[in-house]
């Protein structure tokens, strides 16, 4: 069960980041219909990622490092959604650099904690 959850979780992370960039560049290219479809599939992968992450947390008895990773992952989903939604509405300009910096920083932390490069 552990291996299945781990592979599902790590694969969903990779696909989630890939779908995020595809949706973002589709929005920038004014391909609204394609961007909407990819964005909805991305939201499905958010659910897969969160459910498999909760399963892994249960397997690891809620270790502090991975609880922190989960909190960071939820904030990463927030930043991804804000970037996509504000890009679609055209209101990203003011807070755009903030959201992109926070996206990169939280993505980096989540990946480093996930690969156990950072531990507590």
Protein backbone atom coordinates (compact mmCIF):
# COMPACT_ATOMS: atom_id res chain seq x y z
CA UNK A 1 0.00 0.00 0.00
CA UNK A 2 2.84 2.38 0.88
CA UNK A 3 4.56 2.04 -2.50
CA UNK A 4 1.32 2.61 -4.37
CA UNK A 5 0.55 5.76 -2.41
CA UNK A 6 4.10 7.03 -2.78
CA UNK A 7 4.17 6.54 -6.55
CA UNK A 8 0.69 8.01 -6.96
CA UNK A 9 1.66 11.02 -4.88
CA UNK A 10 4.97 11.73 -6.58
CA UNK A 11 3.52 11.18 -10.04
CA UNK A 12 0.59 13.47 -9.31
CA UNK A 13 3.03 16.17 -8.20
CA UNK A 14 4.94 15.98 -11.45
CA UNK A 15 1.76 16.00 -13.53
CA UNK A 16 0.31 18.85 -11.44
CA UNK A 17 3.30 21.12 -12.06
CA UNK A 18 3.29 20.23 -15.75
CA UNK A 19 -0.45 20.93 -16.08
CA UNK A 20 -0.02 24.23 -14.22
CA UNK A 21 2.50 25.48 -16.75
CA UNK A 22 0.43 24.23 -19.68
CA UNK A 23 -2.66 26.04 -18.33
CA UNK A 24 -0.65 29.21 -17.69
CA UNK A 25 0.83 29.34 -21.18
CA UNK A 26 -2.55 28.55 -22.75
CA UNK A 27 -4.01 31.50 -20.86
CA UNK A 28 -1.16 33.74 -22.01
CA UNK A 29 -1.80 32.63 -25.61
CA UNK A 30 -5.54 33.50 -25.25
CA UNK A 31 -6.61 29.88 -25.73
CA UNK A 32 -9.45 30.16 -23.22
CA UNK A 33 -11.22 26.87 -23.98
CA UNK A 34 -8.05 24.77 -23.83
CA UNK A 35 -6.90 26.57 -20.69
CA UNK A 36 -10.24 25.91 -19.00
CA UNK A 37 -10.09 22.19 -19.77
CA UNK A 38 -6.50 21.87 -18.56
CA UNK A 39 -7.34 23.90 -15.45
CA UNK A 40 -10.19 21.53 -14.58
CA UNK A 41 -7.93 18.49 -15.06
CA UNK A 42 -5.36 20.26 -12.87
CA UNK A 43 -7.96 20.61 -10.12
CA UNK A 44 -8.63 16.88 -10.35
CA UNK A 45 -4.92 16.27 -9.80
CA UNK A 46 -5.01 18.56 -6.75
CA UNK A 47 -7.56 16.17 -5.25
CA UNK A 48 -5.50 13.09 -6.15
CA UNK A 49 -2.40 14.72 -4.68
CA UNK A 50 -4.12 15.70 -1.43
CA UNK A 51 -5.80 12.31 -0.92
CA UNK A 52 -2.60 10.37 -1.56
CA UNK A 53 -0.71 12.82 0.68
CA UNK A 54 -3.15 12.23 3.53
CA UNK A 55 -2.73 8.48 3.03
CA UNK A 56 1.04 8.87 3.29
CA UNK A 57 0.67 11.01 6.40
CA UNK A 58 -1.33 8.23 8.03
CA UNK A 59 1.33 5.69 7.01
CA UNK A 60 4.08 7.88 8.55
CA UNK A 61 2.08 8.50 11.76
CA UNK A 62 1.83 12.24 11.08
CA UNK A 63 5.55 12.98 11.30
CA UNK A 64 6.13 16.71 11.81
CA UNK A 65 8.24 17.13 8.68
CA UNK A 66 5.52 15.73 6.46
CA UNK A 67 2.73 17.63 8.21
CA UNK A 68 4.74 20.76 7.44
CA UNK A 69 5.12 19.57 3.84
CA UNK A 70 1.35 19.14 3.65
CA UNK A 71 0.75 22.67 4.89
CA UNK A 72 3.26 23.99 2.36
CA UNK A 73 1.61 21.92 -0.37
CA UNK A 74 -1.80 23.42 0.40
CA UNK A 75 -0.28 26.90 0.21
CA UNK A 76 1.39 25.92 -3.08
CA UNK A 77 -2.00 24.95 -4.48
CA UNK A 78 -3.28 28.36 -3.38
CA UNK A 79 -0.46 30.17 -5.20
CA UNK A 80 -0.99 28.09 -8.33
CA UNK A 81 -4.70 28.87 -8.32
CA UNK A 82 -4.12 32.58 -7.71
CA UNK A 83 -1.66 32.79 -10.60
CA UNK A 84 -4.05 31.05 -12.99
CA UNK A 85 -7.23 32.82 -11.90
CA UNK A 86 -5.63 36.27 -11.80
CA UNK A 87 -3.99 35.69 -15.16
CA UNK A 88 -7.39 34.78 -16.61
CA UNK A 89 -9.02 37.88 -15.09
CA UNK A 90 -6.10 40.12 -16.02
CA UNK A 91 -5.45 41.22 -12.42
CA UNK A 92 -2.11 39.49 -11.86
CA UNK A 93 -0.01 42.56 -12.67
CA UNK A 94 0.04 44.07 -9.16
CA UNK A 95 0.82 40.98 -7.11
CA UNK A 96 2.27 38.88 -9.91
CA UNK A 97 5.89 38.91 -8.73
CA UNK A 98 4.79 38.05 -5.17
CA UNK A 99 2.77 35.03 -6.30
CA UNK A 100 5.53 33.79 -8.60
CA UNK A 101 8.21 34.12 -5.89
CA UNK A 102 6.03 32.33 -3.36
CA UNK A 103 5.19 29.65 -5.95
CA UNK A 104 8.86 28.94 -6.67
CA UNK A 105 9.86 29.06 -2.98
CA UNK A 106 7.10 26.73 -1.78
CA UNK A 107 7.59 24.37 -4.73
CA UNK A 108 11.28 24.16 -3.92
CA UNK A 109 10.61 23.50 -0.22
CA UNK A 110 7.94 20.88 -0.94
CA UNK A 111 10.17 19.01 -3.38
CA UNK A 112 13.19 19.13 -1.05
CA UNK A 113 11.14 17.90 1.90
CA UNK A 114 9.50 15.24 -0.28
CA UNK A 115 12.88 13.85 -1.36
CA UNK A 116 14.08 14.05 2.28
CA UNK A 117 16.83 16.57 1.47
CA UNK A 118 15.40 18.79 4.24
CA UNK A 119 14.50 16.97 7.45
CA UNK A 120 13.69 18.01 11.01
